Amino acid sequence: MVKKSKSEADLKTLIYAHINYTGHRSILPHSYVDLMVAKALELGYPETMIETFKLHTELLYHPNPSITQ
């Protein structure tokens, strides 16, 4: 899904999927979320990932330092 993302709407769908997945008590590997963040930067929509960083504890996500730099 991440590789096929091409728009801000696609990124929002990825965020929704991540939250939904976590809501079912499943943990999405951090590397997948890192790919989402990198894709948002690549597409020029970094603001779509602000909520992911704001709620990183609840989402059980701790970004790789290379992503935050």
PDB file of N, CA and C in Angstrom:
ATOM      1  N   MET A   1       0.819  -1.195   0.000  1.00  0.00           N
ATOM      2  CA  MET A   1       0.000   0.000   0.000  1.00  0.00           C
ATOM      3  C   MET A   1       0.862   1.257   0.000  1.00  0.00           C
ATOM      4  N   VAL A   2       1.946   1.220   0.761  1.00  0.00           N
ATOM      5  CA  VAL A   2       2.788   2.412   0.867  1.00  0.00           C
ATOM      6  C   VAL A   2       3.396   2.762  -0.486  1.00  0.00           C
ATOM      7  N   LYS A   3       3.902   1.766  -1.180  1.00  0.00           N
ATOM      8  CA  LYS A   3       4.553   2.016  -2.466  1.00  0.00           C
ATOM      9  C   LYS A   3       3.585   2.565  -3.503  1.00  0.00           C
ATOM     10  N   LYS A   4       2.295   2.219  -3.395  1.00  0.00           N
ATOM     11  CA  LYS A   4       1.307   2.671  -4.362  1.00  0.00           C
ATOM     12  C   LYS A   4       0.724   4.038  -4.023  1.00  0.00           C
ATOM     13  N   SER A   5       1.050   4.577  -2.863  1.00  0.00           N
ATOM     14  CA  SER A   5       0.526   5.882  -2.445  1.00  0.00           C
ATOM     15  C   SER A   5       1.057   6.984  -3.349  1.00  0.00           C
ATOM     16  N   LYS A   6       0.125   7.862  -3.773  1.00  0.00           N
ATOM     17  CA  LYS A   6       0.508   8.938  -4.679  1.00  0.00           C
ATOM     18  C   LYS A   6      -0.090  10.281  -4.296  1.00  0.00           C
ATOM     19  N   SER A   7      -0.911  10.309  -3.247  1.00  0.00           N
ATOM     20  CA  SER A   7      -1.579  11.561  -2.896  1.00  0.00           C
ATOM     21  C   SER A   7      -1.753  11.690  -1.389  1.00  0.00           C
ATOM     22  N   GLU A   8      -2.177  12.872  -0.987  1.00  0.00           N
ATOM     23  CA  GLU A   8      -2.450  13.115   0.422  1.00  0.00           C
ATOM     24  C   GLU A   8      -3.579  12.204   0.913  1.00  0.00           C
ATOM     25  N   ALA A   9      -4.577  11.974   0.080  1.00  0.00           N
ATOM     26  CA  ALA A   9      -5.690  11.090   0.448  1.00  0.00           C
ATOM     27  C   ALA A   9      -5.194   9.664   0.688  1.00  0.00           C
ATOM     28  N   ASP A  10      -4.258   9.218  -0.125  1.00  0.00           N
ATOM     29  CA  ASP A  10      -3.680   7.885   0.061  1.00  0.00           C
ATOM     30  C   ASP A  10      -2.954   7.795   1.400  1.00  0.00           C
ATOM     31  N   LEU A  11      -2.232   8.857   1.760  1.00  0.00           N
ATOM     32  CA  LEU A  11      -1.520   8.877   3.034  1.00  0.00           C
ATOM     33  C   LEU A  11      -2.500   8.832   4.206  1.00  0.00           C
ATOM     34  N   LYS A  12      -3.600   9.545   4.077  1.00  0.00           N
ATOM     35  CA  LYS A  12      -4.615   9.520   5.139  1.00  0.00           C
ATOM     36  C   LYS A  12      -5.219   8.123   5.275  1.00  0.00           C
ATOM     37  N   THR A  13      -5.370   7.425   4.170  1.00  0.00           N
ATOM     38  CA  THR A  13      -5.854   6.048   4.207  1.00  0.00           C
ATOM     39  C   THR A  13      -4.854   5.153   4.934  1.00  0.00           C
ATOM     40  N   LEU A  14      -3.573   5.371   4.697  1.00  0.00           N
ATOM     41  CA  LEU A  14      -2.540   4.593   5.389  1.00  0.00           C
ATOM     42  C   LEU A  14      -2.594   4.840   6.899  1.00  0.00           C
ATOM     43  N   ILE A  15      -2.765   6.089   7.280  1.00  0.00           N
ATOM     44  CA  ILE A  15      -2.854   6.415   8.707  1.00  0.00           C
ATOM     45  C   ILE A  15      -4.064   5.729   9.322  1.00  0.00           C
ATOM     46  N   TYR A  16      -5.206   5.798   8.640  1.00  0.00           N
ATOM     47  CA  TYR A  16      -6.410   5.151   9.138  1.00  0.00           C
ATOM     48  C   TYR A  16      -6.182   3.642   9.288  1.00  0.00           C
ATOM     49  N   ALA A  17      -5.537   3.035   8.314  1.00  0.00           N
ATOM     50  CA  ALA A  17      -5.267   1.598   8.381  1.00  0.00           C
ATOM     51  C   ALA A  17      -4.363   1.271   9.563  1.00  0.00           C
ATOM     52  N   HIS A  18      -3.373   2.109   9.808  1.00  0.00           N
ATOM     53  CA  HIS A  18      -2.462   1.897  10.937  1.00  0.00           C
ATOM     54  C   HIS A  18      -3.222   1.965  12.260  1.00  0.00           C
ATOM     55  N   ILE A  19      -4.051   2.982  12.424  1.00  0.00           N
ATOM     56  CA  ILE A  19      -4.827   3.130  13.658  1.00  0.00           C
ATOM     57  C   ILE A  19      -5.806   1.978  13.808  1.00  0.00           C
ATOM     58  N   ASN A  20      -6.453   1.586  12.731  1.00  0.00           N
ATOM     59  CA  ASN A  20      -7.405   0.481  12.772  1.00  0.00           C
ATOM     60  C   ASN A  20      -6.705  -0.826  13.136  1.00  0.00           C
ATOM     61  N   TYR A  21      -5.553  -1.054  12.562  1.00  0.00           N
ATOM     62  CA  TYR A  21      -4.765  -2.269  12.837  1.00  0.00           C
ATOM     63  C   TYR A  21      -4.385  -2.327  14.309  1.00  0.00           C
ATOM     64  N   THR A  22      -3.912  -1.198  14.845  1.00  0.00           N
ATOM     65  CA  THR A  22      -3.535  -1.133  16.256  1.00  0.00           C
ATOM     66  C   THR A  22      -4.757  -1.310  17.145  1.00  0.00           C
ATOM     67  N   GLY A  23      -5.893  -0.776  16.710  1.00  0.00           N
ATOM     68  CA  GLY A  23      -7.136  -0.919  17.466  1.00  0.00           C
ATOM     69  C   GLY A  23      -7.565  -2.363  17.634  1.00  0.00           C
ATOM     70  N   HIS A  24      -7.113  -3.209  16.756  1.00  0.00           N
ATOM     71  CA  HIS A  24      -7.419  -4.636  16.855  1.00  0.00           C
ATOM     72  C   HIS A  24      -6.340  -5.388  17.627  1.00  0.00           C
ATOM     73  N   ARG A  25      -5.572  -4.626  18.383  1.00  0.00           N
ATOM     74  CA  ARG A  25      -4.522  -5.161  19.262  1.00  0.00           C
ATOM     75  C   ARG A  25      -3.412  -5.878  18.496  1.00  0.00           C
ATOM     76  N   SER A  26      -3.166  -5.391  17.312  1.00  0.00           N
ATOM     77  CA  SER A  26      -2.061  -5.905  16.501  1.00  0.00           C
ATOM     78  C   SER A  26      -1.026  -4.791  16.372  1.00  0.00           C
ATOM     79  N   ILE A  27       0.214  -5.132  16.402  1.00  0.00           N
ATOM     80  CA  ILE A  27       1.256  -4.123  16.303  1.00  0.00           C
ATOM     81  C   ILE A  27       1.836  -4.147  14.896  1.00  0.00           C
ATOM     82  N   LEU A  28       1.792  -3.001  14.258  1.00  0.00           N
ATOM     83  CA  LEU A  28       2.382  -2.861  12.934  1.00  0.00           C
ATOM     84  C   LEU A  28       3.889  -2.670  13.113  1.00  0.00           C
ATOM     85  N   PRO A  29       4.705  -3.416  12.407  1.00  0.00           N
ATOM     86  CA  PRO A  29       6.157  -3.254  12.558  1.00  0.00           C
ATOM     87  C   PRO A  29       6.587  -1.797  12.331  1.00  0.00           C
ATOM     88  N   HIS A  30       7.494  -1.327  13.150  1.00  0.00           N
ATOM     89  CA  HIS A  30       7.964   0.054  13.059  1.00  0.00           C
ATOM     90  C   HIS A  30       8.507   0.364  11.675  1.00  0.00           C
ATOM     91  N   SER A  31       9.118  -0.608  11.049  1.00  0.00           N
ATOM     92  CA  SER A  31       9.684  -0.366   9.713  1.00  0.00           C
ATOM     93  C   SER A  31       8.593  -0.001   8.708  1.00  0.00           C
ATOM     94  N   TYR A  32       7.383  -0.547   8.861  1.00  0.00           N
ATOM     95  CA  TYR A  32       6.273  -0.206   7.971  1.00  0.00           C
ATOM     96  C   TYR A  32       5.838   1.237   8.184  1.00  0.00           C
ATOM     97  N   VAL A  33       5.763   1.627   9.443  1.00  0.00           N
ATOM     98  CA  VAL A  33       5.356   3.005   9.747  1.00  0.00           C
ATOM     99  C   VAL A  33       6.447   3.972   9.276  1.00  0.00           C
ATOM    100  N   ASP A  34       7.699   3.585   9.436  1.00  0.00           N
ATOM    101  CA  ASP A  34       8.800   4.407   8.928  1.00  0.00           C
ATOM    102  C   ASP A  34       8.660   4.603   7.412  1.00  0.00           C
ATOM    103  N   LEU A  35       8.258   3.557   6.708  1.00  0.00           N
ATOM    104  CA  LEU A  35       8.039   3.671   5.255  1.00  0.00           C
ATOM    105  C   LEU A  35       6.925   4.670   4.951  1.00  0.00           C
ATOM    106  N   MET A  36       5.861   4.655   5.773  1.00  0.00           N
ATOM    107  CA  MET A  36       4.760   5.604   5.582  1.00  0.00           C
ATOM    108  C   MET A  36       5.256   7.035   5.759  1.00  0.00           C
ATOM    109  N   VAL A  37       6.036   7.262   6.797  1.00  0.00           N
ATOM    110  CA  VAL A  37       6.564   8.597   7.057  1.00  0.00           C
ATOM    111  C   VAL A  37       7.488   9.033   5.921  1.00  0.00           C
ATOM    112  N   ALA A  38       8.347   8.149   5.478  1.00  0.00           N
ATOM    113  CA  ALA A  38       9.254   8.465   4.375  1.00  0.00           C
ATOM    114  C   ALA A  38       8.473   8.777   3.097  1.00  0.00           C
ATOM    115  N   LYS A  39       7.398   8.045   2.857  1.00  0.00           N
ATOM    116  CA  LYS A  39       6.576   8.288   1.667  1.00  0.00           C
ATOM    117  C   LYS A  39       5.895   9.650   1.757  1.00  0.00           C
ATOM    118  N   ALA A  40       5.430  10.009   2.951  1.00  0.00           N
ATOM    119  CA  ALA A  40       4.809  11.325   3.138  1.00  0.00           C
ATOM    120  C   ALA A  40       5.804  12.436   2.833  1.00  0.00           C
ATOM    121  N   LEU A  41       7.049  12.254   3.261  1.00  0.00           N
ATOM    122  CA  LEU A  41       8.085  13.237   2.963  1.00  0.00           C
ATOM    123  C   LEU A  41       8.370  13.291   1.466  1.00  0.00           C
ATOM    124  N   GLU A  42       8.436  12.119   0.845  1.00  0.00           N
ATOM    125  CA  GLU A  42       8.718  12.031  -0.596  1.00  0.00           C
ATOM    126  C   GLU A  42       7.635  12.731  -1.416  1.00  0.00           C
ATOM    127  N   LEU A  43       6.369  12.551  -1.006  1.00  0.00           N
ATOM    128  CA  LEU A  43       5.253  13.129  -1.755  1.00  0.00           C
ATOM    129  C   LEU A  43       5.019  14.606  -1.419  1.00  0.00           C
ATOM    130  N   GLY A  44       5.709  15.098  -0.380  1.00  0.00           N
ATOM    131  CA  GLY A  44       5.560  16.507  -0.016  1.00  0.00           C
ATOM    132  C   GLY A  44       4.412  16.799   0.934  1.00  0.00           C
ATOM    133  N   TYR A  45       3.967  15.797   1.689  1.00  0.00           N
ATOM    134  CA  TYR A  45       2.878  15.971   2.655  1.00  0.00           C
ATOM    135  C   TYR A  45       3.305  15.528   4.048  1.00  0.00           C
ATOM    136  N   PRO A  46       4.379  16.077   4.589  1.00  0.00           N
ATOM    137  CA  PRO A  46       4.834  15.630   5.920  1.00  0.00           C
ATOM    138  C   PRO A  46       3.819  15.897   7.027  1.00  0.00           C
ATOM    139  N   GLU A  47       2.967  16.905   6.819  1.00  0.00           N
ATOM    140  CA  GLU A  47       1.974  17.239   7.846  1.00  0.00           C
ATOM    141  C   GLU A  47       0.959  16.123   8.078  1.00  0.00           C
ATOM    142  N   THR A  48       0.817  15.210   7.117  1.00  0.00           N
ATOM    143  CA  THR A  48      -0.127  14.109   7.305  1.00  0.00           C
ATOM    144  C   THR A  48       0.331  13.146   8.391  1.00  0.00           C
ATOM    145  N   MET A  49       1.597  13.173   8.727  1.00  0.00           N
ATOM    146  CA  MET A  49       2.138  12.252   9.734  1.00  0.00           C
ATOM    147  C   MET A  49       2.256  12.871  11.123  1.00  0.00           C
ATOM    148  N   ILE A  50       1.846  14.134  11.282  1.00  0.00           N
ATOM    149  CA  ILE A  50       1.948  14.787  12.589  1.00  0.00           C
ATOM    150  C   ILE A  50       1.179  14.015  13.649  1.00  0.00           C
ATOM    151  N   GLU A  51      -0.019  13.563  13.312  1.00  0.00           N
ATOM    152  CA  GLU A  51      -0.823  12.809  14.280  1.00  0.00           C
ATOM    153  C   GLU A  51      -0.133  11.504  14.683  1.00  0.00           C
ATOM    154  N   THR A  52       0.533  10.877  13.748  1.00  0.00           N
ATOM    155  CA  THR A  52       1.263   9.642  14.054  1.00  0.00           C
ATOM    156  C   THR A  52       2.352   9.908  15.084  1.00  0.00           C
ATOM    157  N   PHE A  53       3.050  11.026  14.922  1.00  0.00           N
ATOM    158  CA  PHE A  53       4.096  11.369  15.897  1.00  0.00           C
ATOM    159  C   PHE A  53       3.495  11.811  17.230  1.00  0.00           C
ATOM    160  N   LYS A  54       2.376  12.538  17.154  1.00  0.00           N
ATOM    161  CA  LYS A  54       1.729  13.007  18.380  1.00  0.00           C
ATOM    162  C   LYS A  54       1.218  11.831  19.213  1.00  0.00           C
ATOM    163  N   LEU A  55       0.718  10.808  18.542  1.00  0.00           N
ATOM    164  CA  LEU A  55       0.123   9.651  19.219  1.00  0.00           C
ATOM    165  C   LEU A  55       1.043   8.430  19.191  1.00  0.00           C
ATOM    166  N   HIS A  56       2.343   8.654  19.039  1.00  0.00           N
ATOM    167  CA  HIS A  56       3.258   7.531  18.858  1.00  0.00           C
ATOM    168  C   HIS A  56       3.219   6.541  20.024  1.00  0.00           C
ATOM    169  N   THR A  57       3.006   6.997  21.237  1.00  0.00           N
ATOM    170  CA  THR A  57       2.956   6.079  22.376  1.00  0.00           C
ATOM    171  C   THR A  57       1.735   5.179  22.292  1.00  0.00           C
ATOM    172  N   GLU A  58       0.579   5.763  21.990  1.00  0.00           N
ATOM    173  CA  GLU A  58      -0.653   4.983  21.872  1.00  0.00           C
ATOM    174  C   GLU A  58      -0.593   4.013  20.700  1.00  0.00           C
ATOM    175  N   LEU A  59       0.092   4.414  19.645  1.00  0.00           N
ATOM    176  CA  LEU A  59       0.218   3.563  18.454  1.00  0.00           C
ATOM    177  C   LEU A  59       1.373   2.568  18.574  1.00  0.00           C
ATOM    178  N   LEU A  60       2.081   2.628  19.691  1.00  0.00           N
ATOM    179  CA  LEU A  60       3.226   1.750  19.934  1.00  0.00           C
ATOM    180  C   LEU A  60       4.267   1.890  18.825  1.00  0.00           C
ATOM    181  N   TYR A  61       4.510   3.126  18.438  1.00  0.00           N
ATOM    182  CA  TYR A  61       5.458   3.428  17.358  1.00  0.00           C
ATOM    183  C   TYR A  61       6.586   4.302  17.873  1.00  0.00           C
ATOM    184  N   HIS A  62       7.771   3.869  17.646  1.00  0.00           N
ATOM    185  CA  HIS A  62       8.956   4.651  17.997  1.00  0.00           C
ATOM    186  C   HIS A  62       9.809   4.756  16.732  1.00  0.00           C
ATOM    187  N   PRO A  63       9.819   5.943  16.121  1.00  0.00           N
ATOM    188  CA  PRO A  63      10.477   6.093  14.820  1.00  0.00           C
ATOM    189  C   PRO A  63      11.978   5.849  14.855  1.00  0.00           C
ATOM    190  N   ASN A  64      12.460   5.366  13.756  1.00  0.00           N
ATOM    191  CA  ASN A  64      13.890   5.185  13.573  1.00  0.00           C
ATOM    192  C   ASN A  64      14.525   6.586  13.529  1.00  0.00           C
ATOM    193  N   PRO A  65      15.650   6.790  14.185  1.00  0.00           N
ATOM    194  CA  PRO A  65      16.287   8.109  14.168  1.00  0.00           C
ATOM    195  C   PRO A  65      16.533   8.665  12.752  1.00  0.00           C
ATOM    196  N   SER A  66      16.777   7.797  11.802  1.00  0.00           N
ATOM    197  CA  SER A  66      17.009   8.280  10.430  1.00  0.00           C
ATOM    198  C   SER A  66      15.752   8.951   9.852  1.00  0.00           C
ATOM    199  N   ILE A  67      14.592   8.544  10.289  1.00  0.00           N
ATOM    200  CA  ILE A  67      13.338   9.125   9.814  1.00  0.00           C
ATOM    201  C   ILE A  67      13.137  10.525  10.394  1.00  0.00           C
ATOM    202  N   THR A  68      13.455  10.698  11.665  1.00  0.00           N
ATOM    203  CA  THR A  68      13.224  11.982  12.302  1.00  0.00           C
ATOM    204  C   THR A  68      14.279  13.023  11.933  1.00  0.00           C
ATOM    205  N   GLN A  69      15.380  12.568  11.396  1.00  0.00           N
ATOM    206  CA  GLN A  69      16.416  13.519  10.984  1.00  0.00           C
ATOM    207  C   GLN A  69      16.106  14.031   9.600  1.00  0.00           C
TER     208      GLN A  69
END
